[in-house]
C-alpha atoms as a PDB file:
ATOM      1  CA  MET A   1     200.524   6.129-273.899  1.00  0.00           C
ATOM      2  CA  ALA A   2     202.117   9.633-274.316  1.00  0.00           C
ATOM      3  CA  ALA A   3     201.198  12.070-276.877  1.00  0.00           C
ATOM      4  CA  VAL A   4     202.726  11.430-280.384  1.00  0.00           C
ATOM      5  CA  GLU A   5     204.607  14.558-280.292  1.00  0.00           C
ATOM      6  CA  GLU A   6     206.705  13.239-277.475  1.00  0.00           C
ATOM      7  CA  TRP A   7     207.445   9.903-278.838  1.00  0.00           C
ATOM      8  CA  THR A   8     211.088   9.010-278.914  1.00  0.00           C
ATOM      9  CA  ALA A   9     212.412   7.152-281.763  1.00  0.00           C
ATOM     10  CA  GLN A  10     212.313   4.091-279.743  1.00  0.00           C
ATOM     11  CA  ASP A  11     208.688   4.637-279.213  1.00  0.00           C
ATOM     12  CA  VAL A  12     208.090   5.000-282.879  1.00  0.00           C
ATOM     13  CA  ALA A  13     209.927   1.797-283.613  1.00  0.00           C
ATOM     14  CA  ASP A  14     207.994  -0.172-280.965  1.00  0.00           C
ATOM     15  CA  TRP A  15     204.806   1.492-282.377  1.00  0.00           C
ATOM     16  CA  ILE A  16     205.768   0.247-286.136  1.00  0.00           C
ATOM     17  CA  ASN A  17     206.085  -2.897-284.291  1.00  0.00           C
ATOM     18  CA  HIS A  18     202.876  -2.776-282.509  1.00  0.00           C
ATOM     19  CA  ILE A  19     201.005  -2.048-285.857  1.00  0.00           C
ATOM     20  CA  GLY A  20     202.457  -5.299-287.451  1.00  0.00           C
ATOM     21  CA  LEU A  21     205.190  -4.067-289.285  1.00  0.00           C
ATOM     22  CA  PRO A  22     208.431  -5.054-287.753  1.00  0.00           C
ATOM     23  CA  ALA A  23     210.510  -5.548-290.561  1.00  0.00           C
ATOM     24  CA  HIS A  24     210.404  -1.713-290.987  1.00  0.00           C
ATOM     25  CA  SER A  25     211.172  -0.870-287.391  1.00  0.00           C
ATOM     26  CA  LEU A  26     214.829  -0.645-287.601  1.00  0.00           C
ATOM     27  CA  SER A  27     214.707   1.776-290.567  1.00  0.00           C
ATOM     28  CA  PHE A  28     212.535   4.301-288.178  1.00  0.00           C
ATOM     29  CA  LEU A  29     215.082   3.607-285.129  1.00  0.00           C
ATOM     30  CA  ASP A  30     218.120   4.080-287.587  1.00  0.00           C
ATOM     31  CA  ASN A  31     216.958   7.189-288.784  1.00  0.00           C
ATOM     32  CA  ALA A  32     216.014   8.512-285.523  1.00  0.00           C
ATOM     33  CA  VAL A  33     212.493   9.249-286.517  1.00  0.00           C
ATOM     34  CA  THR A  34     210.630  10.584-283.641  1.00  0.00           C
ATOM     35  CA  GLY A  35     206.895  11.439-282.840  1.00  0.00           C
ATOM     36  CA  LEU A  36     207.290  14.964-283.919  1.00  0.00           C
ATOM     37  CA  ASP A  37     208.917  13.688-286.956  1.00  0.00           C
ATOM     38  CA  LEU A  38     205.744  11.384-287.545  1.00  0.00           C
ATOM     39  CA  LEU A  39     203.317  14.581-287.537  1.00  0.00           C
ATOM     40  CA  GLU A  40     205.057  15.726-290.749  1.00  0.00           C
ATOM     41  CA  ILE A  41     205.474  12.315-292.274  1.00  0.00           C
ATOM     42  CA  SER A  42     204.221  11.622-295.866  1.00  0.00           C
ATOM     43  CA  ASP A  43     204.188   8.644-298.430  1.00  0.00           C
ATOM     44  CA  SER A  44     207.386   9.908-300.162  1.00  0.00           C
ATOM     45  CA  ILE A  45     209.187  10.195-296.452  1.00  0.00           C
ATOM     46  CA  LEU A  46     208.078   6.601-295.850  1.00  0.00           C
ATOM     47  CA  GLU A  47     209.193   5.364-299.305  1.00  0.00           C
ATOM     48  CA  TRP A  48     212.508   6.970-298.842  1.00  0.00           C
ATOM     49  CA  LEU A  49     212.814   5.288-295.366  1.00  0.00           C
ATOM     50  CA  GLY A  50     212.498   2.012-297.456  1.00  0.00           C
ATOM     51  CA  VAL A  51     208.781   0.958-296.859  1.00  0.00           C
ATOM     52  CA  ARG A  52     208.468   0.089-300.272  1.00  0.00           C
ATOM     53  CA  ASP A  53     204.936  -1.478-300.451  1.00  0.00           C
ATOM     54  CA  ILE A  54     202.040   1.181-300.694  1.00  0.00           C
ATOM     55  CA  ALA A  55     200.189  -1.059-298.671  1.00  0.00           C
ATOM     56  CA  ASP A  56     202.755  -0.840-295.770  1.00  0.00           C
ATOM     57  CA  ARG A  57     202.665   3.099-296.426  1.00  0.00           C
ATOM     58  CA  LEU A  58     199.118   3.438-296.304  1.00  0.00           C
ATOM     59  CA  HIS A  59     198.801   1.075-293.177  1.00  0.00           C
ATOM     60  CA  ILE A  60     201.460   3.187-291.477  1.00  0.00           C
ATOM     61  CA  LEU A  61     199.322   6.668-292.459  1.00  0.00           C
ATOM     62  CA  GLU A  62     195.969   5.289-291.142  1.00  0.00           C
ATOM     63  CA  ARG A  63     197.188   3.967-288.045  1.00  0.00           C
ATOM     64  CA  LEU A  64     198.950   7.365-287.404  1.00  0.00           C
ATOM     65  CA  GLN A  65     195.574   8.839-288.116  1.00  0.00           C
ATOM     66  CA  ASP A  66     193.690   6.563-285.740  1.00  0.00           C
ATOM     67  CA  VAL A  67     196.173   7.279-283.077  1.00  0.00           C
ATOM     68  CA  LEU A  68     196.160  10.921-283.582  1.00  0.00           C
ATOM     69  CA  GLU A  69     192.203  11.096-283.640  1.00  0.00           C
ATOM     70  CA  ARG A  70     192.198   9.202-280.564  1.00  0.00           C
ATOM     71  CA  GLN A  71     194.795  11.412-278.791  1.00  0.00           C
ATOM     72  CA  GLU A  72     192.554  14.354-279.880  1.00  0.00           C
ATOM     73  CA  THR A  73     189.506  13.188-278.347  1.00  0.00           C
ATOM     74  CA  GLN A  74     191.286  12.077-275.078  1.00  0.00           C
ATOM     75  CA  ASP A  75     194.028  15.153-274.708  1.00  0.00           C
ATOM     76  CA  PHE A  76     192.245  18.282-276.441  1.00  0.00           C
ATOM     77  CA  PRO A  77     188.812  19.763-277.053  1.00  0.00           C
ATOM     78  CA  PRO A  78     188.586  19.579-280.956  1.00  0.00           C
ATOM     79  CA  LEU A  79     188.472  23.213-281.297  1.00  0.00           C
ATOM     80  CA  ARG A  80     191.791  23.657-279.848  1.00  0.00           C
ATOM     81  CA  HIS A  81     193.092  20.836-281.619  1.00  0.00           C
ATOM     82  CA  GLU A  82     192.077  22.517-284.887  1.00  0.00           C
ATOM     83  CA  LEU A  83     193.636  25.628-283.981  1.00  0.00           C
ATOM     84  CA  LEU A  84     196.826  24.095-282.935  1.00  0.00           C
ATOM     85  CA  SER A  85     196.903  22.216-286.415  1.00  0.00           C
ATOM     86  CA  VAL A  86     196.391  25.514-288.363  1.00  0.00           C
ATOM     87  CA  ILE A  87     198.684  27.671-286.285  1.00  0.00           C
ATOM     88  CA  ARG A  88     201.634  25.013-286.883  1.00  0.00           C
ATOM     89  CA  GLU A  89     201.074  24.959-290.526  1.00  0.00           C
ATOM     90  CA  THR A  90     202.049  28.945-290.471  1.00  0.00           C
ATOM     91  CA  SER A  91     205.891  29.049-290.139  1.00  0.00           C
ATOM     92  CA  GLU A  92     205.658  32.663-288.987  1.00  0.00           C
ATOM     93  CA  TYR A  93     204.478  31.394-285.504  1.00  0.00           C
ATOM     94  CA  THR A  94     206.627  29.820-282.624  1.00  0.00           C
ATOM     95  CA  GLU A  95     205.670  27.335-280.026  1.00  0.00           C
ATOM     96  CA  THR A  96     205.324  30.120-277.426  1.00  0.00           C
ATOM     97  CA  ASP A  97     202.988  31.838-280.084  1.00  0.00           C
ATOM     98  CA  VAL A  98     200.910  28.603-280.177  1.00  0.00           C
ATOM     99  CA  SER A  99     200.718  28.505-276.740  1.00  0.00           C
ATOM    100  CA  GLU A 100     199.330  32.070-276.212  1.00  0.00           C
ATOM    101  CA  LYS A 101     196.991  31.916-278.781  1.00  0.00           C
ATOM    102  CA  SER A 102     195.400  28.898-277.465  1.00  0.00           C
ATOM    103  CA  ILE A 103     195.412  30.153-273.855  1.00  0.00           C
ATOM    104  CA  ILE A 104     193.479  33.465-275.191  1.00  0.00           C
ATOM    105  CA  ILE A 105     191.160  31.688-277.352  1.00  0.00           C
ATOM    106  CA  LEU A 106     190.328  29.087-274.622  1.00  0.00           C
ATOM    107  CA  GLU A 107     189.456  31.904-272.168  1.00  0.00           C
ATOM    108  CA  ASN A 108     187.306  33.580-274.932  1.00  0.00           C
ATOM    109  CA  GLU A 109     185.400  30.267-275.302  1.00  0.00           C
ATOM    110  CA  LYS A 110     184.856  30.473-271.566  1.00  0.00           C
ATOM    111  CA  ASN A 111     183.417  34.011-271.610  1.00  0.00           C
ATOM    112  CA  ILE A 112     181.124  33.080-274.353  1.00  0.00           C
END
């Protein structure tokens, strides 16, 4: 499976079906929710998307966390993933900055 940030709106809708909430998949598709959007999703956004039941919102958030944790262990060394999370939280950095800083830190790790 592709990394969450690469998911299309159709991929997200398929995932919503896969986790057992097919009643909500059309709303995600109609609102063109992509994997990048999922990375920023919150309880209030889920409610805005029409996921009224708190149990369904929690289920989505928990399953997303599960996917991200599996992705972390498969695709990224933990330190690098943590670094990317911190850098993405600061709006002053661009994606190029994230990549350049990741390379510098990974090179430094090799020299330690």
